[in-house]
Amino acid sequence: SIFSINVMGWYRQAPGKQRELVARITRFGSTNYA
């Protein structure tokens, strides 16, 4: 049950490492990258 999503992103986690942000994008198209 979804009307909208503000931010969607991708994270990754390698063995023995902390989860980190890879990229994210807002509903309006603004992006951020590692």
PDB file of all heavy atoms in Angstrom:
ATOM      1  N   SER A   1       0.848  -1.182   0.000  1.00  0.00           N
ATOM      2  CA  SER A   1       0.000   0.000   0.000  1.00  0.00           C
ATOM      3  C   SER A   1       0.888   1.238   0.000  1.00  0.00           C
ATOM      4  O   SER A   1       1.343   1.694   1.048  1.00  0.00           O
ATOM      5  CB  SER A   1      -0.920  -0.010   1.222  1.00  0.00           C
ATOM      6  OG  SER A   1      -1.789   1.105   1.215  1.00  0.00           O
ATOM      7  N   ILE A   2       1.154   1.767  -1.190  1.00  0.00           N
ATOM      8  CA  ILE A   2       2.107   2.861  -1.362  1.00  0.00           C
ATOM      9  C   ILE A   2       1.498   3.980  -2.186  1.00  0.00           C
ATOM     10  O   ILE A   2       0.995   3.747  -3.278  1.00  0.00           O
ATOM     11  CB  ILE A   2       3.395   2.384  -2.046  1.00  0.00           C
ATOM     12  CG1 ILE A   2       4.077   1.287  -1.227  1.00  0.00           C
ATOM     13  CG2 ILE A   2       4.351   3.558  -2.258  1.00  0.00           C
ATOM     14  CD1 ILE A   2       5.225   0.625  -1.941  1.00  0.00           C
ATOM     15  N   PHE A   3       1.584   5.179  -1.658  1.00  0.00           N
ATOM     16  CA  PHE A   3       1.216   6.368  -2.410  1.00  0.00           C
ATOM     17  C   PHE A   3       2.449   6.993  -3.052  1.00  0.00           C
ATOM     18  O   PHE A   3       2.418   7.357  -4.225  1.00  0.00           O
ATOM     19  CB  PHE A   3       0.507   7.383  -1.512  1.00  0.00           C
ATOM     20  CG  PHE A   3       0.152   8.662  -2.209  1.00  0.00           C
ATOM     21  CD1 PHE A   3      -0.945   8.728  -3.050  1.00  0.00           C
ATOM     22  CD2 PHE A   3       0.918   9.807  -2.040  1.00  0.00           C
ATOM     23  CE1 PHE A   3      -1.282   9.907  -3.700  1.00  0.00           C
ATOM     24  CE2 PHE A   3       0.596  10.989  -2.691  1.00  0.00           C
ATOM     25  CZ  PHE A   3      -0.511  11.040  -3.522  1.00  0.00           C
ATOM     26  N   SER A   4       3.525   7.103  -2.286  1.00  0.00           N
ATOM     27  CA  SER A   4       4.760   7.654  -2.805  1.00  0.00           C
ATOM     28  C   SER A   4       5.915   7.244  -1.911  1.00  0.00           C
ATOM     29  O   SER A   4       5.722   6.849  -0.769  1.00  0.00           O
ATOM     30  CB  SER A   4       4.692   9.184  -2.912  1.00  0.00           C
ATOM     31  OG  SER A   4       4.544   9.773  -1.634  1.00  0.00           O
ATOM     32  N   ILE A   5       7.123   7.358  -2.449  1.00  0.00           N
ATOM     33  CA  ILE A   5       8.342   7.073  -1.710  1.00  0.00           C
ATOM     34  C   ILE A   5       9.280   8.259  -1.870  1.00  0.00           C
ATOM     35  O   ILE A   5       9.622   8.628  -2.993  1.00  0.00           O
ATOM     36  CB  ILE A   5       9.030   5.790  -2.215  1.00  0.00           C
ATOM     37  CG1 ILE A   5       8.078   4.601  -2.123  1.00  0.00           C
ATOM     38  CG2 ILE A   5      10.311   5.525  -1.427  1.00  0.00           C
ATOM     39  CD1 ILE A   5       8.612   3.335  -2.758  1.00  0.00           C
ATOM     40  N   ASN A   6       9.704   8.829  -0.762  1.00  0.00           N
ATOM     41  CA  ASN A   6      10.544  10.019  -0.814  1.00  0.00           C
ATOM     42  C   ASN A   6      11.942   9.708  -1.360  1.00  0.00           C
ATOM     43  O   ASN A   6      12.398  10.335  -2.307  1.00  0.00           O
ATOM     44  CB  ASN A   6      10.652  10.670   0.561  1.00  0.00           C
ATOM     45  CG  ASN A   6      11.401  11.990   0.520  1.00  0.00           C
ATOM     46  OD1 ASN A   6      11.457  12.659  -0.503  1.00  0.00           O
ATOM     47  ND2 ASN A   6      11.970  12.381   1.653  1.00  0.00           N
ATOM     48  N   VAL A   7      12.608   8.730  -0.766  1.00  0.00           N
ATOM     49  CA  VAL A   7      13.976   8.408  -1.144  1.00  0.00           C
ATOM     50  C   VAL A   7      14.122   6.907  -1.330  1.00  0.00           C
ATOM     51  O   VAL A   7      13.686   6.127  -0.485  1.00  0.00           O
ATOM     52  CB  VAL A   7      14.991   8.890  -0.087  1.00  0.00           C
ATOM     53  CG1 VAL A   7      16.412   8.578  -0.543  1.00  0.00           C
ATOM     54  CG2 VAL A   7      14.835  10.381   0.175  1.00  0.00           C
ATOM     55  N   MET A   8      14.741   6.521  -2.422  1.00  0.00           N
ATOM     56  CA  MET A   8      15.112   5.138  -2.641  1.00  0.00           C
ATOM     57  C   MET A   8      16.609   5.076  -2.865  1.00  0.00           C
ATOM     58  O   MET A   8      17.188   5.977  -3.477  1.00  0.00           O
ATOM     59  CB  MET A   8      14.367   4.538  -3.832  1.00  0.00           C
ATOM     60  CG  MET A   8      12.858   4.572  -3.688  1.00  0.00           C
ATOM     61  SD  MET A   8      11.979   3.665  -4.992  1.00  0.00           S
ATOM     62  CE  MET A   8      12.233   1.968  -4.432  1.00  0.00           C
ATOM     63  N   GLY A   9      17.221   4.040  -2.348  1.00  0.00           N
ATOM     64  CA  GLY A   9      18.659   3.951  -2.465  1.00  0.00           C
ATOM     65  C   GLY A   9      19.174   2.532  -2.494  1.00  0.00           C
ATOM     66  O   GLY A   9      18.430   1.572  -2.252  1.00  0.00           O
ATOM     67  N   TRP A  10      20.445   2.441  -2.813  1.00  0.00           N
ATOM     68  CA  TRP A  10      21.154   1.171  -2.806  1.00  0.00           C
ATOM     69  C   TRP A  10      22.293   1.229  -1.806  1.00  0.00           C
ATOM     70  O   TRP A  10      23.067   2.192  -1.782  1.00  0.00           O
ATOM     71  CB  TRP A  10      21.716   0.837  -4.188  1.00  0.00           C
ATOM     72  CG  TRP A  10      20.673   0.478  -5.187  1.00  0.00           C
ATOM     73  CD1 TRP A  10      20.070   1.302  -6.089  1.00  0.00           C
ATOM     74  CD2 TRP A  10      20.101  -0.818  -5.386  1.00  0.00           C
ATOM     75  NE1 TRP A  10      19.157   0.600  -6.844  1.00  0.00           N
ATOM     76  CE2 TRP A  10      19.158  -0.696  -6.433  1.00  0.00           C
ATOM     77  CE3 TRP A  10      20.288  -2.057  -4.793  1.00  0.00           C
ATOM     78  CZ2 TRP A  10      18.409  -1.785  -6.891  1.00  0.00           C
ATOM     79  CZ3 TRP A  10      19.543  -3.136  -5.243  1.00  0.00           C
ATOM     80  CH2 TRP A  10      18.620  -2.989  -6.277  1.00  0.00           C
ATOM     81  N   TYR A  11      22.378   0.216  -0.982  1.00  0.00           N
ATOM     82  CA  TYR A  11      23.466   0.041  -0.038  1.00  0.00           C
ATOM     83  C   TYR A  11      24.146  -1.284  -0.331  1.00  0.00           C
ATOM     84  O   TYR A  11      23.573  -2.155  -0.987  1.00  0.00           O
ATOM     85  CB  TYR A  11      22.944   0.051   1.401  1.00  0.00           C
ATOM     86  CG  TYR A  11      22.380   1.384   1.853  1.00  0.00           C
ATOM     87  CD1 TYR A  11      21.160   1.844   1.374  1.00  0.00           C
ATOM     88  CD2 TYR A  11      23.075   2.167   2.763  1.00  0.00           C
ATOM     89  CE1 TYR A  11      20.647   3.061   1.790  1.00  0.00           C
ATOM     90  CE2 TYR A  11      22.570   3.385   3.197  1.00  0.00           C
ATOM     91  CZ  TYR A  11      21.352   3.826   2.702  1.00  0.00           C
ATOM     92  OH  TYR A  11      20.854   5.034   3.123  1.00  0.00           O
ATOM     93  N   ARG A  12      25.358  -1.439   0.151  1.00  0.00           N
ATOM     94  CA  ARG A  12      26.056  -2.706  -0.029  1.00  0.00           C
ATOM     95  C   ARG A  12      26.844  -3.053   1.217  1.00  0.00           C
ATOM     96  O   ARG A  12      27.244  -2.176   1.988  1.00  0.00           O
ATOM     97  CB  ARG A  12      26.974  -2.675  -1.253  1.00  0.00           C
ATOM     98  CG  ARG A  12      28.169  -1.744  -1.134  1.00  0.00           C
ATOM     99  CD  ARG A  12      28.924  -1.687  -2.451  1.00  0.00           C
ATOM    100  NE  ARG A  12      30.093  -0.835  -2.386  1.00  0.00           N
ATOM    101  CZ  ARG A  12      30.841  -0.499  -3.428  1.00  0.00           C
ATOM    102  NH1 ARG A  12      30.539  -0.959  -4.642  1.00  0.00           N
ATOM    103  NH2 ARG A  12      31.900   0.285  -3.268  1.00  0.00           N
ATOM    104  N   GLN A  13      27.064  -4.335   1.395  1.00  0.00           N
ATOM    105  CA  GLN A  13      27.816  -4.822   2.530  1.00  0.00           C
ATOM    106  C   GLN A  13      28.713  -5.972   2.083  1.00  0.00           C
ATOM    107  O   GLN A  13      28.225  -7.004   1.632  1.00  0.00           O
ATOM    108  CB  GLN A  13      26.889  -5.276   3.662  1.00  0.00           C
ATOM    109  CG  GLN A  13      27.617  -5.622   4.943  1.00  0.00           C
ATOM    110  CD  GLN A  13      26.668  -5.741   6.123  1.00  0.00           C
ATOM    111  OE1 GLN A  13      25.479  -6.004   5.950  1.00  0.00           O
ATOM    112  NE2 GLN A  13      27.191  -5.531   7.313  1.00  0.00           N
ATOM    113  N   ALA A  14      30.005  -5.763   2.202  1.00  0.00           N
ATOM    114  CA  ALA A  14      30.981  -6.797   1.909  1.00  0.00           C
ATOM    115  C   ALA A  14      31.293  -7.577   3.176  1.00  0.00           C
ATOM    116  O   ALA A  14      31.098  -7.073   4.288  1.00  0.00           O
ATOM    117  CB  ALA A  14      32.255  -6.167   1.346  1.00  0.00           C
ATOM    118  N   PRO A  15      31.785  -8.811   3.042  1.00  0.00           N
ATOM    119  CA  PRO A  15      32.104  -9.614   4.227  1.00  0.00           C
ATOM    120  C   PRO A  15      33.064  -8.894   5.165  1.00  0.00           C
ATOM    121  O   PRO A  15      34.101  -8.381   4.733  1.00  0.00           O
ATOM    122  CB  PRO A  15      32.743 -10.869   3.637  1.00  0.00           C
ATOM    123  CG  PRO A  15      32.153 -10.981   2.271  1.00  0.00           C
ATOM    124  CD  PRO A  15      32.011  -9.561   1.798  1.00  0.00           C
ATOM    125  N   GLY A  16      32.711  -8.836   6.437  1.00  0.00           N
ATOM    126  CA  GLY A  16      33.558  -8.207   7.428  1.00  0.00           C
ATOM    127  C   GLY A  16      33.539  -6.693   7.428  1.00  0.00           C
ATOM    128  O   GLY A  16      34.292  -6.072   8.180  1.00  0.00           O
ATOM    129  N   LYS A  17      32.700  -6.092   6.603  1.00  0.00           N
ATOM    130  CA  LYS A  17      32.637  -4.644   6.520  1.00  0.00           C
ATOM    131  C   LYS A  17      31.242  -4.139   6.863  1.00  0.00           C
ATOM    132  O   LYS A  17      30.262  -4.888   6.835  1.00  0.00           O
ATOM    133  CB  LYS A  17      33.027  -4.155   5.123  1.00  0.00           C
ATOM    134  CG  LYS A  17      34.444  -4.505   4.708  1.00  0.00           C
ATOM    135  CD  LYS A  17      34.838  -3.804   3.428  1.00  0.00           C
ATOM    136  CE  LYS A  17      34.923  -2.299   3.614  1.00  0.00           C
ATOM    137  NZ  LYS A  17      35.365  -1.612   2.372  1.00  0.00           N
ATOM    138  N   GLN A  18      31.167  -2.869   7.184  1.00  0.00           N
ATOM    139  CA  GLN A  18      29.908  -2.238   7.521  1.00  0.00           C
ATOM    140  C   GLN A  18      29.104  -1.918   6.264  1.00  0.00           C
ATOM    141  O   GLN A  18      29.671  -1.676   5.199  1.00  0.00           O
ATOM    142  CB  GLN A  18      30.176  -0.959   8.321  1.00  0.00           C
ATOM    143  CG  GLN A  18      29.055  -0.547   9.247  1.00  0.00           C
ATOM    144  CD  GLN A  18      29.515   0.478  10.270  1.00  0.00           C
ATOM    145  OE1 GLN A  18      30.706   0.719  10.448  1.00  0.00           O
ATOM    146  NE2 GLN A  18      28.561   1.080  10.951  1.00  0.00           N
ATOM    147  N   ARG A  19      27.801  -1.930   6.404  1.00  0.00           N
ATOM    148  CA  ARG A  19      26.957  -1.562   5.278  1.00  0.00           C
ATOM    149  C   ARG A  19      27.174  -0.094   4.929  1.00  0.00           C
ATOM    150  O   ARG A  19      27.238   0.770   5.808  1.00  0.00           O
ATOM    151  CB  ARG A  19      25.490  -1.818   5.613  1.00  0.00           C
ATOM    152  CG  ARG A  19      24.541  -1.619   4.450  1.00  0.00           C
ATOM    153  CD  ARG A  19      23.114  -2.024   4.797  1.00  0.00           C
ATOM    154  NE  ARG A  19      23.019  -3.429   5.154  1.00  0.00           N
ATOM    155  CZ  ARG A  19      21.884  -4.068   5.395  1.00  0.00           C
ATOM    156  NH1 ARG A  19      20.734  -3.426   5.306  1.00  0.00           N
ATOM    157  NH2 ARG A  19      21.901  -5.354   5.735  1.00  0.00           N
ATOM    158  N   GLU A  20      27.284   0.196   3.641  1.00  0.00           N
ATOM    159  CA  GLU A  20      27.549   1.548   3.200  1.00  0.00           C
ATOM    160  C   GLU A  20      26.598   1.969   2.095  1.00  0.00           C
ATOM    161  O   GLU A  20      26.101   1.145   1.323  1.00  0.00           O
ATOM    162  CB  GLU A  20      28.997   1.680   2.699  1.00  0.00           C
ATOM    163  CG  GLU A  20      29.303   0.839   1.464  1.00  0.00           C
ATOM    164  CD  GLU A  20      30.699   1.075   0.914  1.00  0.00           C
ATOM    165  OE1 GLU A  20      31.378   2.013   1.368  1.00  0.00           O
ATOM    166  OE2 GLU A  20      31.113   0.308   0.013  1.00  0.00           O
ATOM    167  N   LEU A  21      26.375   3.262   2.022  1.00  0.00           N
ATOM    168  CA  LEU A  21      25.541   3.817   0.968  1.00  0.00           C
ATOM    169  C   LEU A  21      26.282   3.784  -0.359  1.00  0.00           C
ATOM    170  O   LEU A  21      27.438   4.194  -0.444  1.00  0.00           O
ATOM    171  CB  LEU A  21      25.148   5.254   1.302  1.00  0.00           C
ATOM    172  CG  LEU A  21      24.412   6.026   0.202  1.00  0.00           C
ATOM    173  CD1 LEU A  21      23.015   5.463  -0.006  1.00  0.00           C
ATOM    174  CD2 LEU A  21      24.343   7.511   0.537  1.00  0.00           C
ATOM    175  N   VAL A  22      25.620   3.296  -1.389  1.00  0.00           N
ATOM    176  CA  VAL A  22      26.167   3.301  -2.735  1.00  0.00           C
ATOM    177  C   VAL A  22      25.613   4.481  -3.521  1.00  0.00           C
ATOM    178  O   VAL A  22      26.360   5.263  -4.110  1.00  0.00           O
ATOM    179  CB  VAL A  22      25.860   1.983  -3.472  1.00  0.00           C
ATOM    180  CG1 VAL A  22      26.387   2.031  -4.902  1.00  0.00           C
ATOM    181  CG2 VAL A  22      26.457   0.800  -2.722  1.00  0.00           C
ATOM    182  N   ALA A  23      24.304   4.602  -3.546  1.00  0.00           N
ATOM    183  CA  ALA A  23      23.649   5.682  -4.267  1.00  0.00           C
ATOM    184  C   ALA A  23      22.230   5.836  -3.754  1.00  0.00           C
ATOM    185  O   ALA A  23      21.623   4.879  -3.274  1.00  0.00           O
ATOM    186  CB  ALA A  23      23.645   5.420  -5.773  1.00  0.00           C
ATOM    187  N   ARG A  24      21.705   7.038  -3.872  1.00  0.00           N
ATOM    188  CA  ARG A  24      20.321   7.285  -3.501  1.00  0.00           C
ATOM    189  C   ARG A  24      19.720   8.299  -4.450  1.00  0.00           C
ATOM    190  O   ARG A  24      20.425   9.099  -5.072  1.00  0.00           O
ATOM    191  CB  ARG A  24      20.193   7.757  -2.054  1.00  0.00           C
ATOM    192  CG  ARG A  24      20.899   9.061  -1.752  1.00  0.00           C
ATOM    193  CD  ARG A  24      20.483   9.609  -0.400  1.00  0.00           C
ATOM    194  NE  ARG A  24      20.804   8.686   0.686  1.00  0.00           N
ATOM    195  CZ  ARG A  24      20.393   8.844   1.944  1.00  0.00           C
ATOM    196  NH1 ARG A  24      19.645   9.893   2.276  1.00  0.00           N
ATOM    197  NH2 ARG A  24      20.728   7.956   2.865  1.00  0.00           N
ATOM    198  N   ILE A  25      18.396   8.271  -4.540  1.00  0.00           N
ATOM    199  CA  ILE A  25      17.688   9.179  -5.422  1.00  0.00           C
ATOM    200  C   ILE A  25      16.369   9.568  -4.784  1.00  0.00           C
ATOM    201  O   ILE A  25      15.649   8.728  -4.243  1.00  0.00           O
ATOM    202  CB  ILE A  25      17.487   8.543  -6.821  1.00  0.00           C
ATOM    203  CG1 ILE A  25      16.799   9.522  -7.775  1.00  0.00           C
ATOM    204  CG2 ILE A  25      16.720   7.234  -6.715  1.00  0.00           C
ATOM    205  CD1 ILE A  25      16.835   9.053  -9.224  1.00  0.00           C
ATOM    206  N   THR A  26      16.050  10.850  -4.830  1.00  0.00           N
ATOM    207  CA  THR A  26      14.802  11.336  -4.261  1.00  0.00           C
ATOM    208  C   THR A  26      13.669  11.182  -5.260  1.00  0.00           C
ATOM    209  O   THR A  26      13.870  10.864  -6.433  1.00  0.00           O
ATOM    210  CB  THR A  26      14.902  12.809  -3.844  1.00  0.00           C
ATOM    211  OG1 THR A  26      14.938  13.639  -5.014  1.00  0.00           O
ATOM    212  CG2 THR A  26      16.143  13.061  -3.008  1.00  0.00           C
ATOM    213  N   ARG A  27      12.461  11.454  -4.782  1.00  0.00           N
ATOM    214  CA  ARG A  27      11.284  11.368  -5.623  1.00  0.00           C
ATOM    215  C   ARG A  27      11.369  12.332  -6.803  1.00  0.00           C
ATOM    216  O   ARG A  27      10.785  12.088  -7.859  1.00  0.00           O
ATOM    217  CB  ARG A  27      10.032  11.656  -4.793  1.00  0.00           C
ATOM    218  CG  ARG A  27       8.723  11.411  -5.503  1.00  0.00           C
ATOM    219  CD  ARG A  27       7.557  11.646  -4.572  1.00  0.00           C
ATOM    220  NE  ARG A  27       7.473  13.034  -4.148  1.00  0.00           N
ATOM    221  CZ  ARG A  27       6.619  13.499  -3.245  1.00  0.00           C
ATOM    222  NH1 ARG A  27       5.776  12.673  -2.642  1.00  0.00           N
ATOM    223  NH2 ARG A  27       6.605  14.780  -2.925  1.00  0.00           N
ATOM    224  N   PHE A  28      12.113  13.414  -6.607  1.00  0.00           N
ATOM    225  CA  PHE A  28      12.227  14.439  -7.637  1.00  0.00           C
ATOM    226  C   PHE A  28      13.492  14.309  -8.476  1.00  0.00           C
ATOM    227  O   PHE A  28      13.766  15.174  -9.309  1.00  0.00           O
ATOM    228  CB  PHE A  28      12.155  15.828  -6.997  1.00  0.00           C
ATOM    229  CG  PHE A  28      10.901  16.047  -6.212  1.00  0.00           C
ATOM    230  CD1 PHE A  28      10.918  16.028  -4.830  1.00  0.00           C
ATOM    231  CD2 PHE A  28       9.693  16.243  -6.847  1.00  0.00           C
ATOM    232  CE1 PHE A  28       9.760  16.218  -4.094  1.00  0.00           C
ATOM    233  CE2 PHE A  28       8.521  16.434  -6.127  1.00  0.00           C
ATOM    234  CZ  PHE A  28       8.560  16.423  -4.753  1.00  0.00           C
ATOM    235  N   GLY A  29      14.254  13.246  -8.267  1.00  0.00           N
ATOM    236  CA  GLY A  29      15.372  12.955  -9.137  1.00  0.00           C
ATOM    237  C   GLY A  29      16.736  13.405  -8.672  1.00  0.00           C
ATOM    238  O   GLY A  29      17.718  13.215  -9.409  1.00  0.00           O
ATOM    239  N   SER A  30      16.855  13.991  -7.497  1.00  0.00           N
ATOM    240  CA  SER A  30      18.167  14.365  -6.980  1.00  0.00           C
ATOM    241  C   SER A  30      18.926  13.116  -6.561  1.00  0.00           C
ATOM    242  O   SER A  30      18.368  12.225  -5.932  1.00  0.00           O
ATOM    243  CB  SER A  30      18.032  15.313  -5.795  1.00  0.00           C
ATOM    244  OG  SER A  30      17.415  16.525  -6.186  1.00  0.00           O
ATOM    245  N   THR A  31      20.210  13.057  -6.891  1.00  0.00           N
ATOM    246  CA  THR A  31      21.002  11.858  -6.639  1.00  0.00           C
ATOM    247  C   THR A  31      22.232  12.145  -5.809  1.00  0.00           C
ATOM    248  O   THR A  31      22.750  13.259  -5.790  1.00  0.00           O
ATOM    249  CB  THR A  31      21.446  11.208  -7.958  1.00  0.00           C
ATOM    250  OG1 THR A  31      22.220  12.149  -8.715  1.00  0.00           O
ATOM    251  CG2 THR A  31      20.246  10.770  -8.775  1.00  0.00           C
ATOM    252  N   ASN A  32      22.699  11.128  -5.122  1.00  0.00           N
ATOM    253  CA  ASN A  32      23.956  11.141  -4.397  1.00  0.00           C
ATOM    254  C   ASN A  32      24.651   9.809  -4.623  1.00  0.00           C
ATOM    255  O   ASN A  32      24.008   8.769  -4.627  1.00  0.00           O
ATOM    256  CB  ASN A  32      23.748  11.366  -2.898  1.00  0.00           C
ATOM    257  CG  ASN A  32      23.187  12.723  -2.574  1.00  0.00           C
ATOM    258  OD1 ASN A  32      21.988  12.869  -2.346  1.00  0.00           O
ATOM    259  ND2 ASN A  32      24.050  13.727  -2.546  1.00  0.00           N
ATOM    260  N   TYR A  33      25.967   9.864  -4.779  1.00  0.00           N
ATOM    261  CA  TYR A  33      26.755   8.666  -5.009  1.00  0.00           C
ATOM    262  C   TYR A  33      27.937   8.619  -4.062  1.00  0.00           C
ATOM    263  O   TYR A  33      28.514   9.645  -3.706  1.00  0.00           O
ATOM    264  CB  TYR A  33      27.295   8.620  -6.434  1.00  0.00           C
ATOM    265  CG  TYR A  33      26.245   8.509  -7.511  1.00  0.00           C
ATOM    266  CD1 TYR A  33      25.712   9.649  -8.103  1.00  0.00           C
ATOM    267  CD2 TYR A  33      25.800   7.266  -7.943  1.00  0.00           C
ATOM    268  CE1 TYR A  33      24.755   9.545  -9.097  1.00  0.00           C
ATOM    269  CE2 TYR A  33      24.845   7.162  -8.935  1.00  0.00           C
ATOM    270  CZ  TYR A  33      24.325   8.307  -9.510  1.00  0.00           C
ATOM    271  OH  TYR A  33      23.381   8.201 -10.500  1.00  0.00           O
ATOM    272  N   ALA A  34      28.306   7.414  -3.683  1.00  0.00           N
ATOM    273  CA  ALA A  34      29.566   7.234  -2.985  1.00  0.00           C
ATOM    274  C   ALA A  34      30.707   7.580  -3.930  1.00  0.00           C
ATOM    275  O   ALA A  34      30.632   7.332  -5.137  1.00  0.00           O
ATOM    276  CB  ALA A  34      29.707   5.795  -2.497  1.00  0.00           C
TER     277      ALA A  34
END
